[in-house]
Amino acid sequence: MFEEVFVELEKQLQTKLSIGPNPLVCITPVVGDNESRMTAVTSPQVRF
């Protein structure tokens, strides 16, 4: 399940870097909406 999530998030990244096949840590915050979609937060203006 998590592998599929990383693949989908990697498609949305605005970088040429890859998450890799065996990530230990993912430091990009992810938020979900009311329709169970997850989105990576990459804006420095978003505060938690």
Protein backbone atom coordinates (compact mmCIF):
# COMPACT_ATOMS: atom_id res chain seq x y z
CA MET A 1 0.00 0.00 0.00
CA PHE A 2 2.69 2.51 0.96
CA GLU A 3 4.66 1.77 -2.19
CA GLU A 4 1.70 2.88 -4.30
CA VAL A 5 1.40 6.08 -2.25
CA PHE A 6 5.08 6.91 -2.79
CA VAL A 7 4.79 6.24 -6.53
CA GLU A 8 1.81 8.61 -6.81
CA LEU A 9 3.47 11.29 -4.70
CA GLU A 10 6.68 10.99 -6.70
CA LYS A 11 4.70 11.73 -9.87
CA GLN A 12 3.55 15.03 -8.33
CA LEU A 13 6.96 16.19 -7.07
CA GLN A 14 8.40 19.22 -8.80
CA THR A 15 11.94 17.88 -8.67
CA LYS A 16 14.06 15.33 -10.46
CA LEU A 17 14.85 13.62 -7.16
CA SER A 18 13.38 10.22 -6.45
CA ILE A 19 11.93 8.92 -3.19
CA GLY A 20 13.74 5.63 -3.83
CA PRO A 21 12.71 1.99 -3.44
CA ASN A 22 13.25 1.72 0.36
CA PRO A 23 12.73 5.13 1.96
CA LEU A 24 13.50 5.45 5.66
CA VAL A 25 11.92 8.86 6.11
CA CYS A 26 9.69 11.09 4.03
CA ILE A 27 9.88 14.67 5.32
CA THR A 28 7.32 16.21 2.97
CA PRO A 29 4.07 16.85 4.86
CA VAL A 30 1.04 15.21 3.31
CA VAL A 31 -2.52 16.42 3.84
CA GLY A 32 -5.80 14.73 3.00
CA ASP A 33 -9.02 16.30 1.80
CA ASN A 34 -12.66 15.33 2.38
CA GLU A 35 -12.53 12.91 -0.56
CA SER A 36 -9.59 10.89 0.84
CA ARG A 37 -7.08 12.35 -1.62
CA MET A 38 -3.59 12.96 -0.29
CA THR A 39 -1.49 15.90 -1.47
CA ALA A 40 2.13 16.73 -0.71
CA VAL A 41 2.55 20.17 0.86
CA THR A 42 5.45 21.86 -0.91
CA SER A 43 4.62 25.53 -0.30
CA PRO A 44 6.58 27.43 2.36
CA GLN A 45 3.46 29.57 2.96
CA VAL A 46 1.39 26.66 4.32
CA ARG A 47 1.51 26.53 8.11
CA PHE A 48 0.36 23.73 10.39
